[in-house]
PDB file of N, CA and C in Angstrom:
ATOM      1  N   MET A   1      85.487  80.929 171.257  1.00  0.00           N
ATOM      2  CA  MET A   1      84.983  82.174 170.860  1.00  0.00           C
ATOM      3  C   MET A   1      83.795  82.375 170.152  1.00  0.00           C
ATOM      4  N   ASP A   2      82.876  82.962 170.593  1.00  0.00           N
ATOM      5  CA  ASP A   2      81.659  83.107 170.091  1.00  0.00           C
ATOM      6  C   ASP A   2      81.456  84.127 168.965  1.00  0.00           C
ATOM      7  N   THR A   3      81.125  83.695 167.816  1.00  0.00           N
ATOM      8  CA  THR A   3      81.056  84.804 166.567  1.00  0.00           C
ATOM      9  C   THR A   3      79.695  84.557 166.035  1.00  0.00           C
ATOM     10  N   GLY A   4      78.617  84.462 167.099  1.00  0.00           N
ATOM     11  CA  GLY A   4      77.173  84.381 166.446  1.00  0.00           C
ATOM     12  C   GLY A   4      76.597  85.667 166.379  1.00  0.00           C
ATOM     13  N   ILE A   5      75.365  85.312 166.092  1.00  0.00           N
ATOM     14  CA  ILE A   5      74.623  86.619 165.980  1.00  0.00           C
ATOM     15  C   ILE A   5      73.692  86.964 166.954  1.00  0.00           C
ATOM     16  N   LEU A   6      73.821  88.030 167.621  1.00  0.00           N
ATOM     17  CA  LEU A   6      73.128  88.024 169.080  1.00  0.00           C
ATOM     18  C   LEU A   6      71.716  88.991 168.889  1.00  0.00           C
ATOM     19  N   GLY A   7      70.671  88.451 169.737  1.00  0.00           N
ATOM     20  CA  GLY A   7      69.689  89.229 169.874  1.00  0.00           C
ATOM     21  C   GLY A   7      68.424  88.599 168.942  1.00  0.00           C
ATOM     22  N   ALA A   8      67.322  88.631 169.390  1.00  0.00           N
ATOM     23  CA  ALA A   8      66.371  87.826 168.719  1.00  0.00           C
ATOM     24  C   ALA A   8      65.912  88.767 167.433  1.00  0.00           C
ATOM     25  N   GLY A   9      65.929  89.798 167.463  1.00  0.00           N
ATOM     26  CA  GLY A   9      65.593  90.617 166.315  1.00  0.00           C
ATOM     27  C   GLY A   9      66.734  90.433 165.205  1.00  0.00           C
ATOM     28  N   ASN A  10      67.848  90.353 165.474  1.00  0.00           N
ATOM     29  CA  ASN A  10      69.060  90.170 164.623  1.00  0.00           C
ATOM     30  C   ASN A  10      68.720  88.796 163.975  1.00  0.00           C
ATOM     31  N   VAL A  11      68.644  87.697 164.899  1.00  0.00           N
ATOM     32  CA  VAL A  11      68.641  86.470 164.261  1.00  0.00           C
ATOM     33  C   VAL A  11      67.319  86.132 163.358  1.00  0.00           C
ATOM     34  N   ALA A  12      66.279  86.774 163.853  1.00  0.00           N
ATOM     35  CA  ALA A  12      65.061  86.737 163.094  1.00  0.00           C
ATOM     36  C   ALA A  12      65.236  87.495 161.708  1.00  0.00           C
ATOM     37  N   ARG A  13      65.895  88.528 161.656  1.00  0.00           N
ATOM     38  CA  ARG A  13      66.115  89.237 160.312  1.00  0.00           C
ATOM     39  C   ARG A  13      67.056  88.504 159.247  1.00  0.00           C
ATOM     40  N   VAL A  14      68.206  87.840 160.010  1.00  0.00           N
ATOM     41  CA  VAL A  14      69.000  87.012 159.136  1.00  0.00           C
ATOM     42  C   VAL A  14      68.187  85.790 158.709  1.00  0.00           C
ATOM     43  N   LEU A  15      67.392  85.070 159.523  1.00  0.00           N
ATOM     44  CA  LEU A  15      66.677  83.959 159.071  1.00  0.00           C
ATOM     45  C   LEU A  15      65.652  84.362 157.872  1.00  0.00           C
ATOM     46  N   ALA A  16      64.996  85.396 158.117  1.00  0.00           N
ATOM     47  CA  ALA A  16      63.924  86.021 157.350  1.00  0.00           C
ATOM     48  C   ALA A  16      64.592  86.251 155.866  1.00  0.00           C
ATOM     49  N   SER A  17      65.839  86.890 155.857  1.00  0.00           N
ATOM     50  CA  SER A  17      66.443  87.125 154.603  1.00  0.00           C
ATOM     51  C   SER A  17      67.093  86.027 153.707  1.00  0.00           C
ATOM     52  N   LEU A  18      67.269  84.999 154.621  1.00  0.00           N
ATOM     53  CA  LEU A  18      67.443  83.833 153.720  1.00  0.00           C
ATOM     54  C   LEU A  18      66.420  82.682 153.324  1.00  0.00           C
ATOM     55  N   THR A  19      65.221  82.769 153.906  1.00  0.00           N
ATOM     56  CA  THR A  19      64.080  81.872 153.621  1.00  0.00           C
ATOM     57  C   THR A  19      63.713  81.883 152.165  1.00  0.00           C
ATOM     58  N   GLY A  20      63.326  82.895 151.778  1.00  0.00           N
ATOM     59  CA  GLY A  20      62.838  83.018 150.341  1.00  0.00           C
ATOM     60  C   GLY A  20      63.861  82.746 149.313  1.00  0.00           C
ATOM     61  N   PRO A  21      64.927  83.364 149.576  1.00  0.00           N
ATOM     62  CA  PRO A  21      66.124  82.881 148.493  1.00  0.00           C
ATOM     63  C   PRO A  21      66.288  81.418 148.305  1.00  0.00           C
ATOM     64  N   PHE A  22      66.381  80.960 149.679  1.00  0.00           N
ATOM     65  CA  PHE A  22      66.777  79.435 149.589  1.00  0.00           C
ATOM     66  C   PHE A  22      65.654  78.609 149.044  1.00  0.00           C
ATOM     67  N   ALA A  23      64.378  78.957 149.259  1.00  0.00           N
ATOM     68  CA  ALA A  23      63.096  78.304 148.482  1.00  0.00           C
ATOM     69  C   ALA A  23      63.109  78.509 147.052  1.00  0.00           C
ATOM     70  N   ARG A  24      63.760  79.786 146.642  1.00  0.00           N
ATOM     71  CA  ARG A  24      63.978  79.881 145.156  1.00  0.00           C
ATOM     72  C   ARG A  24      64.752  79.137 144.440  1.00  0.00           C
ATOM     73  N   ILE A  25      65.916  78.697 145.211  1.00  0.00           N
ATOM     74  CA  ILE A  25      66.791  77.903 144.487  1.00  0.00           C
ATOM     75  C   ILE A  25      66.450  76.249 144.671  1.00  0.00           C
ATOM     76  N   GLY A  26      65.210  76.185 144.976  1.00  0.00           N
ATOM     77  CA  GLY A  26      64.850  74.879 145.236  1.00  0.00           C
ATOM     78  C   GLY A  26      65.283  73.946 146.535  1.00  0.00           C
ATOM     79  N   GLY A  27      65.542  74.923 147.716  1.00  0.00           N
ATOM     80  CA  GLY A  27      65.955  74.559 148.865  1.00  0.00           C
ATOM     81  C   GLY A  27      64.777  74.237 149.800  1.00  0.00           C
ATOM     82  N   SER A  28      64.737  73.303 150.864  1.00  0.00           N
ATOM     83  CA  SER A  28      63.774  73.157 151.914  1.00  0.00           C
ATOM     84  C   SER A  28      64.103  72.923 153.040  1.00  0.00           C
ATOM     85  N   ALA A  29      63.428  72.903 154.002  1.00  0.00           N
ATOM     86  CA  ALA A  29      63.731  72.445 155.396  1.00  0.00           C
ATOM     87  C   ALA A  29      62.548  71.423 155.994  1.00  0.00           C
ATOM     88  N   GLU A  30      63.169  70.443 156.511  1.00  0.00           N
ATOM     89  CA  GLU A  30      62.364  69.355 157.038  1.00  0.00           C
ATOM     90  C   GLU A  30      62.341  69.323 158.581  1.00  0.00           C
ATOM     91  N   PRO A  31      61.575  69.789 159.170  1.00  0.00           N
ATOM     92  CA  PRO A  31      61.597  69.667 160.592  1.00  0.00           C
ATOM     93  C   PRO A  31      61.878  68.369 161.130  1.00  0.00           C
ATOM     94  N   ARG A  32      62.742  68.330 162.144  1.00  0.00           N
ATOM     95  CA  ARG A  32      63.373  67.069 162.586  1.00  0.00           C
ATOM     96  C   ARG A  32      63.845  67.070 163.831  1.00  0.00           C
ATOM     97  N   GLU A  33      64.021  66.322 164.861  1.00  0.00           N
ATOM     98  CA  GLU A  33      64.786  66.294 165.845  1.00  0.00           C
ATOM     99  C   GLU A  33      66.288  66.053 165.569  1.00  0.00           C
ATOM    100  N   VAL A  34      67.204  66.963 166.148  1.00  0.00           N
ATOM    101  CA  VAL A  34      68.568  66.792 165.610  1.00  0.00           C
ATOM    102  C   VAL A  34      69.164  66.774 166.918  1.00  0.00           C
ATOM    103  N   ASN A  35      70.041  65.681 167.177  1.00  0.00           N
ATOM    104  CA  ASN A  35      70.861  65.545 168.494  1.00  0.00           C
ATOM    105  C   ASN A  35      70.056  65.807 169.871  1.00  0.00           C
ATOM    106  N   GLY A  36      68.725  65.462 169.630  1.00  0.00           N
ATOM    107  CA  GLY A  36      67.735  65.513 170.882  1.00  0.00           C
ATOM    108  C   GLY A  36      67.160  66.799 170.919  1.00  0.00           C
ATOM    109  N   GLN A  37      67.365  67.883 169.903  1.00  0.00           N
ATOM    110  CA  GLN A  37      66.830  69.106 170.027  1.00  0.00           C
ATOM    111  C   GLN A  37      65.927  69.217 168.905  1.00  0.00           C
ATOM    112  N   PRO A  38      64.718  70.195 169.035  1.00  0.00           N
ATOM    113  CA  PRO A  38      63.926  70.507 167.901  1.00  0.00           C
ATOM    114  C   PRO A  38      64.942  71.150 166.938  1.00  0.00           C
ATOM    115  N   GLY A  39      64.880  70.617 165.714  1.00  0.00           N
ATOM    116  CA  GLY A  39      65.767  71.356 164.506  1.00  0.00           C
ATOM    117  C   GLY A  39      65.096  70.902 163.212  1.00  0.00           C
ATOM    118  N   ALA A  40      66.003  71.096 162.190  1.00  0.00           N
ATOM    119  CA  ALA A  40      65.658  70.708 160.587  1.00  0.00           C
ATOM    120  C   ALA A  40      66.774  70.416 159.996  1.00  0.00           C
ATOM    121  N   VAL A  41      66.328  69.561 159.001  1.00  0.00           N
ATOM    122  CA  VAL A  41      67.510  69.031 157.926  1.00  0.00           C
ATOM    123  C   VAL A  41      67.049  69.843 156.889  1.00  0.00           C
ATOM    124  N   PHE A  42      68.112  70.711 156.382  1.00  0.00           N
ATOM    125  CA  PHE A  42      67.953  71.619 155.197  1.00  0.00           C
ATOM    126  C   PHE A  42      68.784  70.779 154.126  1.00  0.00           C
ATOM    127  N   ARG A  43      67.858  70.902 152.838  1.00  0.00           N
ATOM    128  CA  ARG A  43      67.783  70.199 151.576  1.00  0.00           C
ATOM    129  C   ARG A  43      68.158  71.095 150.471  1.00  0.00           C
ATOM    130  N   GLY A  44      68.930  70.890 149.513  1.00  0.00           N
ATOM    131  CA  GLY A  44      69.243  72.074 148.463  1.00  0.00           C
ATOM    132  C   GLY A  44      68.146  71.163 147.247  1.00  0.00           C
ATOM    133  N   PRO A  45      68.713  71.946 146.259  1.00  0.00           N
ATOM    134  CA  PRO A  45      67.957  71.425 144.867  1.00  0.00           C
ATOM    135  C   PRO A  45      68.357  69.979 144.795  1.00  0.00           C
ATOM    136  N   GLY A  46      67.178  69.107 144.396  1.00  0.00           N
ATOM    137  CA  GLY A  46      67.507  67.644 144.330  1.00  0.00           C
ATOM    138  C   GLY A  46      67.423  66.907 145.540  1.00  0.00           C
ATOM    139  N   GLY A  47      67.125  67.479 146.690  1.00  0.00           N
ATOM    140  CA  GLY A  47      67.124  66.797 147.740  1.00  0.00           C
ATOM    141  C   GLY A  47      68.210  66.390 148.501  1.00  0.00           C
ATOM    142  N   ARG A  48      69.262  66.887 147.995  1.00  0.00           N
ATOM    143  CA  ARG A  48      70.709  66.422 148.851  1.00  0.00           C
ATOM    144  C   ARG A  48      70.839  67.285 150.007  1.00  0.00           C
ATOM    145  N   VAL A  49      71.255  66.746 151.290  1.00  0.00           N
ATOM    146  CA  VAL A  49      71.382  67.468 152.350  1.00  0.00           C
ATOM    147  C   VAL A  49      72.605  68.517 152.301  1.00  0.00           C
ATOM    148  N   ILE A  50      72.160  69.695 153.018  1.00  0.00           N
ATOM    149  CA  ILE A  50      73.132  70.992 152.686  1.00  0.00           C
ATOM    150  C   ILE A  50      73.830  70.935 154.354  1.00  0.00           C
ATOM    151  N   ASN A  51      72.910  70.762 155.302  1.00  0.00           N
ATOM    152  CA  ASN A  51      73.245  70.920 156.595  1.00  0.00           C
ATOM    153  C   ASN A  51      72.128  70.576 157.585  1.00  0.00           C
ATOM    154  N   THR A  52      72.362  70.561 158.883  1.00  0.00           N
ATOM    155  CA  THR A  52      71.402  70.391 160.051  1.00  0.00           C
ATOM    156  C   THR A  52      71.286  71.536 160.710  1.00  0.00           C
ATOM    157  N   GLY A  53      70.217  71.940 161.712  1.00  0.00           N
ATOM    158  CA  GLY A  53      70.502  73.016 162.439  1.00  0.00           C
ATOM    159  C   GLY A  53      69.549  72.398 163.520  1.00  0.00           C
ATOM    160  N   ALA A  54      70.003  72.637 164.867  1.00  0.00           N
ATOM    161  CA  ALA A  54      69.129  72.229 166.036  1.00  0.00           C
ATOM    162  C   ALA A  54      69.065  73.600 166.956  1.00  0.00           C
ATOM    163  N   LEU A  55      68.102  73.645 167.718  1.00  0.00           N
ATOM    164  CA  LEU A  55      67.870  74.864 168.621  1.00  0.00           C
ATOM    165  C   LEU A  55      68.156  74.218 169.957  1.00  0.00           C
ATOM    166  N   ASP A  56      68.962  75.237 170.600  1.00  0.00           N
ATOM    167  CA  ASP A  56      69.124  75.059 172.164  1.00  0.00           C
ATOM    168  C   ASP A  56      68.262  75.876 172.782  1.00  0.00           C
ATOM    169  N   ILE A  57      67.220  75.106 173.539  1.00  0.00           N
ATOM    170  CA  ILE A  57      66.145  75.926 174.003  1.00  0.00           C
ATOM    171  C   ILE A  57      66.323  75.965 175.460  1.00  0.00           C
ATOM    172  N   LEU A  58      65.988  77.124 176.378  1.00  0.00           N
ATOM    173  CA  LEU A  58      66.152  77.245 177.688  1.00  0.00           C
ATOM    174  C   LEU A  58      65.125  78.126 178.328  1.00  0.00           C
ATOM    175  N   ASP A  59      64.300  77.710 179.191  1.00  0.00           N
ATOM    176  CA  ASP A  59      63.148  78.741 179.764  1.00  0.00           C
ATOM    177  C   ASP A  59      62.390  79.127 178.370  1.00  0.00           C
ATOM    178  N   GLU A  60      61.999  78.052 177.493  1.00  0.00           N
ATOM    179  CA  GLU A  60      61.215  78.660 176.533  1.00  0.00           C
ATOM    180  C   GLU A  60      61.774  79.258 175.454  1.00  0.00           C
ATOM    181  N   LYS A  61      62.988  79.798 175.242  1.00  0.00           N
ATOM    182  CA  LYS A  61      63.526  80.820 174.877  1.00  0.00           C
ATOM    183  C   LYS A  61      64.988  80.157 173.969  1.00  0.00           C
ATOM    184  N   VAL A  62      64.856  80.357 172.718  1.00  0.00           N
ATOM    185  CA  VAL A  62      66.073  79.976 171.803  1.00  0.00           C
ATOM    186  C   VAL A  62      67.562  80.628 172.478  1.00  0.00           C
ATOM    187  N   GLN A  63      68.387  79.718 172.709  1.00  0.00           N
ATOM    188  CA  GLN A  63      69.438  80.160 173.252  1.00  0.00           C
ATOM    189  C   GLN A  63      70.781  80.136 172.314  1.00  0.00           C
ATOM    190  N   ALA A  64      70.588  79.277 171.156  1.00  0.00           N
ATOM    191  CA  ALA A  64      71.709  78.974 170.387  1.00  0.00           C
ATOM    192  C   ALA A  64      71.047  78.066 169.129  1.00  0.00           C
ATOM    193  N   ILE A  65      71.478  78.526 167.874  1.00  0.00           N
ATOM    194  CA  ILE A  65      71.223  77.651 166.805  1.00  0.00           C
ATOM    195  C   ILE A  65      72.318  77.100 166.681  1.00  0.00           C
ATOM    196  N   ARG A  66      72.304  75.613 166.541  1.00  0.00           N
ATOM    197  CA  ARG A  66      73.647  74.942 166.142  1.00  0.00           C
ATOM    198  C   ARG A  66      73.641  74.109 164.817  1.00  0.00           C
ATOM    199  N   ALA A  67      74.511  74.405 163.831  1.00  0.00           N
ATOM    200  CA  ALA A  67      74.566  73.833 162.710  1.00  0.00           C
ATOM    201  C   ALA A  67      75.817  72.716 162.563  1.00  0.00           C
ATOM    202  N   THR A  68      75.206  71.985 161.843  1.00  0.00           N
ATOM    203  CA  THR A  68      76.259  70.557 161.397  1.00  0.00           C
ATOM    204  C   THR A  68      76.597  70.701 159.913  1.00  0.00           C
ATOM    205  N   LEU A  69      77.603  70.822 159.318  1.00  0.00           N
ATOM    206  CA  LEU A  69      77.957  71.232 157.995  1.00  0.00           C
ATOM    207  C   LEU A  69      79.096  70.228 157.552  1.00  0.00           C
ATOM    208  N   ASN A  70      79.755  69.216 158.459  1.00  0.00           N
ATOM    209  CA  ASN A  70      80.349  68.311 158.231  1.00  0.00           C
ATOM    210  C   ASN A  70      79.890  67.265 157.145  1.00  0.00           C
ATOM    211  N   PRO A  71      80.368  67.267 155.906  1.00  0.00           N
ATOM    212  CA  PRO A  71      79.553  66.154 155.033  1.00  0.00           C
ATOM    213  C   PRO A  71      79.843  64.653 155.673  1.00  0.00           C
ATOM    214  N   ASP A  72      80.787  64.596 156.346  1.00  0.00           N
ATOM    215  CA  ASP A  72      81.066  62.974 156.978  1.00  0.00           C
ATOM    216  C   ASP A  72      79.787  62.717 157.859  1.00  0.00           C
ATOM    217  N   LYS A  73      79.632  63.602 158.422  1.00  0.00           N
ATOM    218  CA  LYS A  73      78.459  63.415 159.498  1.00  0.00           C
ATOM    219  C   LYS A  73      76.980  63.499 158.860  1.00  0.00           C
ATOM    220  N   LEU A  74      76.807  64.313 157.728  1.00  0.00           N
ATOM    221  CA  LEU A  74      75.522  64.490 157.134  1.00  0.00           C
ATOM    222  C   LEU A  74      75.206  63.335 156.267  1.00  0.00           C
ATOM    223  N   ARG A  75      76.324  62.492 155.728  1.00  0.00           N
ATOM    224  CA  ARG A  75      76.081  61.541 154.909  1.00  0.00           C
ATOM    225  C   ARG A  75      75.165  60.246 155.292  1.00  0.00           C
ATOM    226  N   LEU A  76      74.875  60.485 156.921  1.00  0.00           N
ATOM    227  CA  LEU A  76      74.055  59.436 157.603  1.00  0.00           C
ATOM    228  C   LEU A  76      72.497  59.679 157.195  1.00  0.00           C
ATOM    229  N   LEU A  77      72.428  61.136 156.534  1.00  0.00           N
ATOM    230  CA  LEU A  77      71.031  61.391 156.420  1.00  0.00           C
ATOM    231  C   LEU A  77      70.666  61.389 154.792  1.00  0.00           C
ATOM    232  N   GLY A  78      71.840  60.960 153.684  1.00  0.00           N
ATOM    233  CA  GLY A  78      71.451  60.988 152.615  1.00  0.00           C
ATOM    234  C   GLY A  78      72.611  61.323 152.025  1.00  0.00           C
ATOM    235  N   PRO A  79      72.455  61.783 150.413  1.00  0.00           N
ATOM    236  CA  PRO A  79      73.479  62.137 149.715  1.00  0.00           C
ATOM    237  C   PRO A  79      73.620  63.603 150.085  1.00  0.00           C
ATOM    238  N   VAL A  80      74.533  64.128 150.020  1.00  0.00           N
ATOM    239  CA  VAL A  80      75.407  65.458 150.400  1.00  0.00           C
ATOM    240  C   VAL A  80      75.207  66.616 149.457  1.00  0.00           C
ATOM    241  N   ALA A  81      74.881  67.626 149.437  1.00  0.00           N
ATOM    242  CA  ALA A  81      74.915  68.581 148.445  1.00  0.00           C
ATOM    243  C   ALA A  81      76.481  69.397 148.668  1.00  0.00           C
ATOM    244  N   ASP A  82      76.918  70.015 147.807  1.00  0.00           N
ATOM    245  CA  ASP A  82      78.106  70.903 147.827  1.00  0.00           C
ATOM    246  C   ASP A  82      77.470  72.235 148.561  1.00  0.00           C
ATOM    247  N   ALA A  83      77.684  72.414 149.772  1.00  0.00           N
ATOM    248  CA  ALA A  83      77.067  73.514 150.671  1.00  0.00           C
ATOM    249  C   ALA A  83      77.578  74.799 150.330  1.00  0.00           C
ATOM    250  N   ARG A  84      78.953  74.960 149.845  1.00  0.00           N
ATOM    251  CA  ARG A  84      79.415  76.100 149.316  1.00  0.00           C
ATOM    252  C   ARG A  84      78.633  76.682 148.185  1.00  0.00           C
ATOM    253  N   ALA A  85      78.280  75.827 147.330  1.00  0.00           N
ATOM    254  CA  ALA A  85      77.736  76.154 146.021  1.00  0.00           C
ATOM    255  C   ALA A  85      76.150  76.497 146.334  1.00  0.00           C
ATOM    256  N   SER A  86      75.677  75.806 147.346  1.00  0.00           N
ATOM    257  CA  SER A  86      74.167  76.198 147.537  1.00  0.00           C
ATOM    258  C   SER A  86      74.190  77.573 148.491  1.00  0.00           C
ATOM    259  N   ILE A  87      75.280  77.841 149.335  1.00  0.00           N
ATOM    260  CA  ILE A  87      75.178  79.112 149.866  1.00  0.00           C
ATOM    261  C   ILE A  87      75.381  80.148 148.916  1.00  0.00           C
ATOM    262  N   ARG A  88      76.271  80.098 147.974  1.00  0.00           N
ATOM    263  CA  ARG A  88      76.540  80.906 146.698  1.00  0.00           C
ATOM    264  C   ARG A  88      75.217  81.338 146.036  1.00  0.00           C
ATOM    265  N   GLU A  89      74.353  80.225 145.772  1.00  0.00           N
ATOM    266  CA  GLU A  89      73.257  80.357 144.924  1.00  0.00           C
ATOM    267  C   GLU A  89      72.050  81.006 145.780  1.00  0.00           C
ATOM    268  N   THR A  90      72.087  80.532 147.060  1.00  0.00           N
ATOM    269  CA  THR A  90      71.324  81.411 147.950  1.00  0.00           C
ATOM    270  C   THR A  90      71.474  82.941 148.140  1.00  0.00           C
ATOM    271  N   ASN A  91      72.845  83.079 148.128  1.00  0.00           N
ATOM    272  CA  ASN A  91      73.260  84.613 148.097  1.00  0.00           C
ATOM    273  C   ASN A  91      72.762  85.245 146.717  1.00  0.00           C
ATOM    274  N   GLU A  92      73.133  84.755 145.676  1.00  0.00           N
ATOM    275  CA  GLU A  92      72.998  85.185 144.462  1.00  0.00           C
ATOM    276  C   GLU A  92      71.194  85.575 144.512  1.00  0.00           C
ATOM    277  N   ALA A  93      70.505  84.597 145.016  1.00  0.00           N
ATOM    278  CA  ALA A  93      68.963  84.803 144.575  1.00  0.00           C
ATOM    279  C   ALA A  93      68.593  85.954 145.520  1.00  0.00           C
ATOM    280  N   ARG A  94      69.396  86.645 146.742  1.00  0.00           N
ATOM    281  CA  ARG A  94      69.079  87.875 147.404  1.00  0.00           C
ATOM    282  C   ARG A  94      69.249  88.751 146.713  1.00  0.00           C
ATOM    283  N   MET A  95      70.018  88.817 145.877  1.00  0.00           N
ATOM    284  CA  MET A  95      70.361  90.030 144.775  1.00  0.00           C
ATOM    285  C   MET A  95      69.116  90.405 144.096  1.00  0.00           C
ATOM    286  N   PRO A  96      69.091  91.634 143.772  1.00  0.00           N
ATOM    287  CA  PRO A  96      68.030  92.052 142.736  1.00  0.00           C
ATOM    288  C   PRO A  96      68.699  91.585 141.338  1.00  0.00           C
ATOM    289  N   ASP A  97      67.528  91.290 140.446  1.00  0.00           N
ATOM    290  CA  ASP A  97      67.923  90.792 138.792  1.00  0.00           C
ATOM    291  C   ASP A  97      68.284  92.540 138.398  1.00  0.00           C
ATOM    292  N   PRO A  98      69.634  92.269 137.838  1.00  0.00           N
ATOM    293  CA  PRO A  98      69.902  93.471 137.120  1.00  0.00           C
ATOM    294  C   PRO A  98      69.051  93.836 135.984  1.00  0.00           C
ATOM    295  N   ALA A  99      68.433  92.851 135.421  1.00  0.00           N
ATOM    296  CA  ALA A  99      67.507  93.122 134.102  1.00  0.00           C
ATOM    297  C   ALA A  99      66.300  93.732 134.580  1.00  0.00           C
ATOM    298  N   GLY A 100      66.075  93.728 136.009  1.00  0.00           N
ATOM    299  CA  GLY A 100      64.695  94.218 136.232  1.00  0.00           C
ATOM    300  C   GLY A 100      63.451  93.117 136.282  1.00  0.00           C
ATOM    301  N   ILE A 101      63.880  92.092 136.006  1.00  0.00           N
ATOM    302  CA  ILE A 101      62.708  90.826 135.796  1.00  0.00           C
ATOM    303  C   ILE A 101      62.442  90.281 137.187  1.00  0.00           C
TER     304      ILE A 101
END
């Protein structure tokens, strides 16, 4: 069952909405080949691995973005972060500051 986000515009909006908040919490994306595909290793604060993402490309168009979140597989890349905590922090960074700061 495919529960993905469909359409280039929708995917771009989701990625754009996460980029700034992820950087604000100290996250980074390291471009890297993942499973033979162009992709990235995403690291949280302190450089710990959160996940990897790989792009499935056909006819020069992205068909799917495949993420690996399994800590046992990610350990090959270094110390692993608590992905749930990083996602929570990123989502919190997307919210407006209630103090208006």
